[in-house]
Amino acid sequence: MISRLLVALNNRLTRWRRPRVAPANLLVLLPRCLQEPSCERNVGADVANCRRCGRCRCGDILDLADAVGFQVQIATGGKQAVAAARRQEVRAIVSVACATELIMGIVMVFPKPVLAVLLNPTETPCRGTGVDVERVREATRFILEGEDHGNQA
């Protein structure tokens, strides 16, 4: 519960800072657990391995990235996510994960602005999770264009 409050606080502070970056400088980080568990594609190695079959939300977010031009990485762990976020060309991050992972990542990449989007809760943590793609779309739109629809987490 405290982690969720910290995520909401981070998002409010990030929105207050009003970061603006070019699409090429925005990284959307996705967790490996977003991938359908029965999928045999290794999207953690390369997002291009996703066949966008519609069984998970990875393809929807990749379609959005193709349309807008931001970077997407599916991280297989926290170290990989932090390394991707620390790359010099990355100036802002939209991160999708559980609250605990989000807080650790936000701290590790400070002072880069991070808008966090919480995963939808599932019965089995870290497996076959989901995310509201519209929340990801709104977070990217805010960083790229300054459009704010009032979503905080």
C-alpha atoms as a PDB file:
ATOM      1  CA  MET A   1       0.000   0.000   0.000  1.00  0.00           C
ATOM      2  CA  ILE A   2       2.822   2.422   0.841  1.00  0.00           C
ATOM      3  CA  SER A   3       4.494   1.564  -2.467  1.00  0.00           C
ATOM      4  CA  ARG A   4       1.340   2.539  -4.350  1.00  0.00           C
ATOM      5  CA  LEU A   5       1.231   5.859  -2.497  1.00  0.00           C
ATOM      6  CA  LEU A   6       4.872   6.515  -3.383  1.00  0.00           C
ATOM      7  CA  VAL A   7       4.149   5.732  -7.042  1.00  0.00           C
ATOM      8  CA  ALA A   8       1.233   8.198  -7.012  1.00  0.00           C
ATOM      9  CA  LEU A   9       3.434  10.841  -5.358  1.00  0.00           C
ATOM     10  CA  ASN A  10       6.179  10.300  -7.944  1.00  0.00           C
ATOM     11  CA  ASN A  11       3.678  10.691 -10.773  1.00  0.00           C
ATOM     12  CA  ARG A  12       2.332  13.928  -9.327  1.00  0.00           C
ATOM     13  CA  LEU A  13       5.846  15.318  -8.939  1.00  0.00           C
ATOM     14  CA  THR A  14       6.794  14.232 -12.460  1.00  0.00           C
ATOM     15  CA  ARG A  15       3.671  15.856 -13.903  1.00  0.00           C
ATOM     16  CA  TRP A  16       4.447  19.001 -11.911  1.00  0.00           C
ATOM     17  CA  ARG A  17       7.967  19.043 -13.451  1.00  0.00           C
ATOM     18  CA  ARG A  18       6.313  18.828 -16.906  1.00  0.00           C
ATOM     19  CA  PRO A  19       9.143  17.042 -18.749  1.00  0.00           C
ATOM     20  CA  ARG A  20       9.050  17.315 -22.536  1.00  0.00           C
ATOM     21  CA  VAL A  21      11.195  15.155 -24.784  1.00  0.00           C
ATOM     22  CA  ALA A  22      11.309  14.104 -28.415  1.00  0.00           C
ATOM     23  CA  PRO A  23       9.875  10.638 -29.130  1.00  0.00           C
ATOM     24  CA  ALA A  24      13.370   9.209 -29.739  1.00  0.00           C
ATOM     25  CA  ASN A  25      14.336  10.237 -26.178  1.00  0.00           C
ATOM     26  CA  LEU A  26      11.373   8.553 -24.482  1.00  0.00           C
ATOM     27  CA  LEU A  27      11.758   4.978 -23.259  1.00  0.00           C
ATOM     28  CA  VAL A  28       8.769   2.832 -22.359  1.00  0.00           C
ATOM     29  CA  LEU A  29       9.911   0.018 -20.088  1.00  0.00           C
ATOM     30  CA  LEU A  30       7.771  -3.096 -19.861  1.00  0.00           C
ATOM     31  CA  PRO A  31       8.223  -6.065 -17.546  1.00  0.00           C
ATOM     32  CA  ARG A  32       8.716  -9.559 -18.940  1.00  0.00           C
ATOM     33  CA  CYS A  33       5.673 -10.717 -16.947  1.00  0.00           C
ATOM     34  CA  LEU A  34       3.454  -8.710 -19.315  1.00  0.00           C
ATOM     35  CA  GLN A  35       4.112 -11.349 -21.970  1.00  0.00           C
ATOM     36  CA  GLU A  36       1.604 -14.204 -22.248  1.00  0.00           C
ATOM     37  CA  PRO A  37       3.130 -17.092 -20.212  1.00  0.00           C
ATOM     38  CA  SER A  38       2.572 -19.662 -22.974  1.00  0.00           C
ATOM     39  CA  CYS A  39       4.324 -17.513 -25.594  1.00  0.00           C
ATOM     40  CA  GLU A  40       7.582 -19.027 -26.795  1.00  0.00           C
ATOM     41  CA  ARG A  41       8.969 -15.807 -28.276  1.00  0.00           C
ATOM     42  CA  ASN A  42      11.917 -14.251 -26.423  1.00  0.00           C
ATOM     43  CA  VAL A  43      10.742 -10.643 -26.270  1.00  0.00           C
ATOM     44  CA  GLY A  44      13.184  -9.901 -23.446  1.00  0.00           C
ATOM     45  CA  ALA A  45      16.070 -10.362 -25.870  1.00  0.00           C
ATOM     46  CA  ASP A  46      14.471  -8.222 -28.591  1.00  0.00           C
ATOM     47  CA  VAL A  47      11.014  -6.648 -28.739  1.00  0.00           C
ATOM     48  CA  ALA A  48      11.000  -7.347 -32.479  1.00  0.00           C
ATOM     49  CA  ASN A  49      10.461 -11.012 -31.547  1.00  0.00           C
ATOM     50  CA  CYS A  50       6.883 -10.167 -30.542  1.00  0.00           C
ATOM     51  CA  ARG A  51       4.475 -11.371 -33.211  1.00  0.00           C
ATOM     52  CA  ARG A  52       1.691  -9.085 -31.876  1.00  0.00           C
ATOM     53  CA  CYS A  53      -0.844 -11.883 -31.713  1.00  0.00           C
ATOM     54  CA  GLY A  54      -3.121 -10.052 -29.254  1.00  0.00           C
ATOM     55  CA  ARG A  55      -2.858 -12.545 -26.388  1.00  0.00           C
ATOM     56  CA  CYS A  56      -1.026  -9.963 -24.254  1.00  0.00           C
ATOM     57  CA  ARG A  57      -0.624  -6.180 -24.241  1.00  0.00           C
ATOM     58  CA  CYS A  58       2.969  -6.148 -25.551  1.00  0.00           C
ATOM     59  CA  GLY A  59       1.842  -5.917 -29.168  1.00  0.00           C
ATOM     60  CA  ASP A  60      -0.560  -3.054 -28.451  1.00  0.00           C
ATOM     61  CA  ILE A  61       2.227  -1.015 -26.872  1.00  0.00           C
ATOM     62  CA  LEU A  62       4.614  -1.864 -29.712  1.00  0.00           C
ATOM     63  CA  ASP A  63       1.976  -0.692 -32.207  1.00  0.00           C
ATOM     64  CA  LEU A  64       1.736   2.590 -30.283  1.00  0.00           C
ATOM     65  CA  ALA A  65       5.534   2.923 -30.330  1.00  0.00           C
ATOM     66  CA  ASP A  66       5.593   2.381 -34.093  1.00  0.00           C
ATOM     67  CA  ALA A  67       2.980   5.101 -34.570  1.00  0.00           C
ATOM     68  CA  VAL A  68       4.597   7.637 -32.239  1.00  0.00           C
ATOM     69  CA  GLY A  69       8.313   6.823 -32.458  1.00  0.00           C
ATOM     70  CA  PHE A  70       9.349   6.171 -28.848  1.00  0.00           C
ATOM     71  CA  GLN A  71      11.648   3.368 -27.694  1.00  0.00           C
ATOM     72  CA  VAL A  72      10.329   0.205 -26.022  1.00  0.00           C
ATOM     73  CA  GLN A  73      12.266  -2.314 -24.010  1.00  0.00           C
ATOM     74  CA  ILE A  74      10.940  -5.396 -22.313  1.00  0.00           C
ATOM     75  CA  ALA A  75      13.161  -5.912 -19.293  1.00  0.00           C
ATOM     76  CA  THR A  76      13.823  -9.351 -17.888  1.00  0.00           C
ATOM     77  CA  GLY A  77      14.929  -7.871 -14.577  1.00  0.00           C
ATOM     78  CA  GLY A  78      15.586  -4.722 -12.591  1.00  0.00           C
ATOM     79  CA  LYS A  79      19.256  -4.403 -13.562  1.00  0.00           C
ATOM     80  CA  GLN A  80      18.426  -4.559 -17.257  1.00  0.00           C
ATOM     81  CA  ALA A  81      15.657  -1.974 -16.824  1.00  0.00           C
ATOM     82  CA  VAL A  82      17.928   0.428 -14.946  1.00  0.00           C
ATOM     83  CA  ALA A  83      20.714   0.027 -17.521  1.00  0.00           C
ATOM     84  CA  ALA A  84      18.276   0.830 -20.331  1.00  0.00           C
ATOM     85  CA  ALA A  85      16.899   3.863 -18.490  1.00  0.00           C
ATOM     86  CA  ARG A  86      20.381   5.211 -17.773  1.00  0.00           C
ATOM     87  CA  ARG A  87      21.367   5.304 -21.462  1.00  0.00           C
ATOM     88  CA  GLN A  88      22.381   8.825 -22.429  1.00  0.00           C
ATOM     89  CA  GLU A  89      19.782   9.240 -25.181  1.00  0.00           C
ATOM     90  CA  VAL A  90      16.943   8.415 -22.765  1.00  0.00           C
ATOM     91  CA  ARG A  91      15.643  11.647 -21.249  1.00  0.00           C
ATOM     92  CA  ALA A  92      12.315  10.411 -19.808  1.00  0.00           C
ATOM     93  CA  ILE A  93      10.748   7.058 -18.973  1.00  0.00           C
ATOM     94  CA  VAL A  94       7.272   5.584 -18.833  1.00  0.00           C
ATOM     95  CA  SER A  95       7.657   2.477 -16.733  1.00  0.00           C
ATOM     96  CA  VAL A  96       5.146  -0.333 -16.355  1.00  0.00           C
ATOM     97  CA  ALA A  97       5.628  -2.645 -13.373  1.00  0.00           C
ATOM     98  CA  CYS A  98       4.375  -3.573  -9.929  1.00  0.00           C
ATOM     99  CA  ALA A  99       4.597  -0.865  -7.272  1.00  0.00           C
ATOM    100  CA  THR A 100       7.678  -2.258  -5.502  1.00  0.00           C
ATOM    101  CA  GLU A 101       9.680  -2.562  -8.718  1.00  0.00           C
ATOM    102  CA  LEU A 102       8.598   0.907  -9.818  1.00  0.00           C
ATOM    103  CA  ILE A 103       9.799   2.551  -6.605  1.00  0.00           C
ATOM    104  CA  MET A 104      13.193   0.866  -6.804  1.00  0.00           C
ATOM    105  CA  GLY A 105      13.580   1.857 -10.457  1.00  0.00           C
ATOM    106  CA  ILE A 106      12.509   5.467  -9.887  1.00  0.00           C
ATOM    107  CA  VAL A 107      15.139   5.832  -7.182  1.00  0.00           C
ATOM    108  CA  MET A 108      17.843   4.190  -9.314  1.00  0.00           C
ATOM    109  CA  VAL A 109      17.372   6.482 -12.342  1.00  0.00           C
ATOM    110  CA  PHE A 110      16.835   9.763 -10.478  1.00  0.00           C
ATOM    111  CA  PRO A 111      16.886  12.591 -11.624  1.00  0.00           C
ATOM    112  CA  LYS A 112      15.390  11.352 -14.918  1.00  0.00           C
ATOM    113  CA  PRO A 113      11.618  11.842 -14.944  1.00  0.00           C
ATOM    114  CA  VAL A 114       9.582   8.655 -14.688  1.00  0.00           C
ATOM    115  CA  LEU A 115       5.836   8.303 -15.121  1.00  0.00           C
ATOM    116  CA  ALA A 116       4.838   4.997 -13.586  1.00  0.00           C
ATOM    117  CA  VAL A 117       1.957   2.812 -14.725  1.00  0.00           C
ATOM    118  CA  LEU A 118       0.940   0.028 -12.371  1.00  0.00           C
ATOM    119  CA  LEU A 119       0.308  -3.470 -13.642  1.00  0.00           C
ATOM    120  CA  ASN A 120      -3.191  -4.851 -13.269  1.00  0.00           C
ATOM    121  CA  PRO A 121      -3.314  -7.239 -10.315  1.00  0.00           C
ATOM    122  CA  THR A 122      -3.405 -10.949 -11.130  1.00  0.00           C
ATOM    123  CA  GLU A 123      -3.811 -14.095  -9.096  1.00  0.00           C
ATOM    124  CA  THR A 124      -0.274 -15.190  -9.954  1.00  0.00           C
ATOM    125  CA  PRO A 125       2.252 -12.410  -9.334  1.00  0.00           C
ATOM    126  CA  CYS A 126       4.957 -11.952 -11.969  1.00  0.00           C
ATOM    127  CA  ARG A 127       3.191 -14.123 -14.536  1.00  0.00           C
ATOM    128  CA  GLY A 128       0.736 -13.172 -17.259  1.00  0.00           C
ATOM    129  CA  THR A 129       0.074  -9.712 -15.898  1.00  0.00           C
ATOM    130  CA  GLY A 130      -1.834  -7.008 -17.728  1.00  0.00           C
ATOM    131  CA  VAL A 131      -1.815  -3.254 -18.105  1.00  0.00           C
ATOM    132  CA  ASP A 132      -4.308  -0.654 -19.224  1.00  0.00           C
ATOM    133  CA  VAL A 133      -2.791   0.393 -22.566  1.00  0.00           C
ATOM    134  CA  GLU A 134      -4.748   3.656 -22.452  1.00  0.00           C
ATOM    135  CA  ARG A 135      -2.827   4.635 -19.290  1.00  0.00           C
ATOM    136  CA  VAL A 136       0.453   3.982 -21.115  1.00  0.00           C
ATOM    137  CA  ARG A 137      -0.811   6.034 -24.074  1.00  0.00           C
ATOM    138  CA  GLU A 138      -1.770   8.933 -21.793  1.00  0.00           C
ATOM    139  CA  ALA A 139       1.591   8.849 -19.980  1.00  0.00           C
ATOM    140  CA  THR A 140       3.529   8.937 -23.250  1.00  0.00           C
ATOM    141  CA  ARG A 141       1.280  11.692 -24.586  1.00  0.00           C
ATOM    142  CA  PHE A 142       1.896  13.779 -21.468  1.00  0.00           C
ATOM    143  CA  ILE A 143       5.679  13.558 -21.802  1.00  0.00           C
ATOM    144  CA  LEU A 144       5.701  14.082 -25.551  1.00  0.00           C
ATOM    145  CA  GLU A 145       2.956  16.684 -25.961  1.00  0.00           C
ATOM    146  CA  GLY A 146       2.030  18.000 -22.523  1.00  0.00           C
ATOM    147  CA  GLU A 147      -1.494  16.606 -22.644  1.00  0.00           C
ATOM    148  CA  ASP A 148      -2.717  15.714 -19.164  1.00  0.00           C
ATOM    149  CA  HIS A 149      -5.946  13.886 -18.577  1.00  0.00           C
ATOM    150  CA  GLY A 150      -5.595  13.758 -14.802  1.00  0.00           C
ATOM    151  CA  ASN A 151      -4.255  10.206 -14.430  1.00  0.00           C
ATOM    152  CA  GLN A 152      -1.793  10.019 -11.598  1.00  0.00           C
ATOM    153  CA  ALA A 153      -0.700   6.379 -11.442  1.00  0.00           C
END
